[in-house]
Amino acid sequence: MDVATEILNSIQILMERKITNQTADRTFASVIKEVHTDNTYTILAQDGSERKLYSSLPSLPLNAGTKVWVKLPSGSLDNMHICGIRQ
């Protein structure tokens, strides 16, 4: 095997590893099911479960039934939050 082919194969392996370890934010549509007094909201998650979250929109009043966007930063369930209102 020549040097150029070996270098290209090494680059390909490195890129595949980087892509495999890459995590990205995910945003999905949901609906607020319940509003709590501690400034949290219960939403319906993608898998049908209910999750209690905070909103990144503190000055915007949200009510039960409001359609929202929910973000999972880097796929982290602990940091899931409401990030916007859907039309």
Foldseek 3Di string as FASTA:
>chain_A
DDPVVVVVVVVVVVVVVCVVPDFAKDKDKWFFAAADPVQWTWIQDPVRDIDIAHAPCVVDDDHGGFIFMWMQGSVNPVHIHTYGGDD
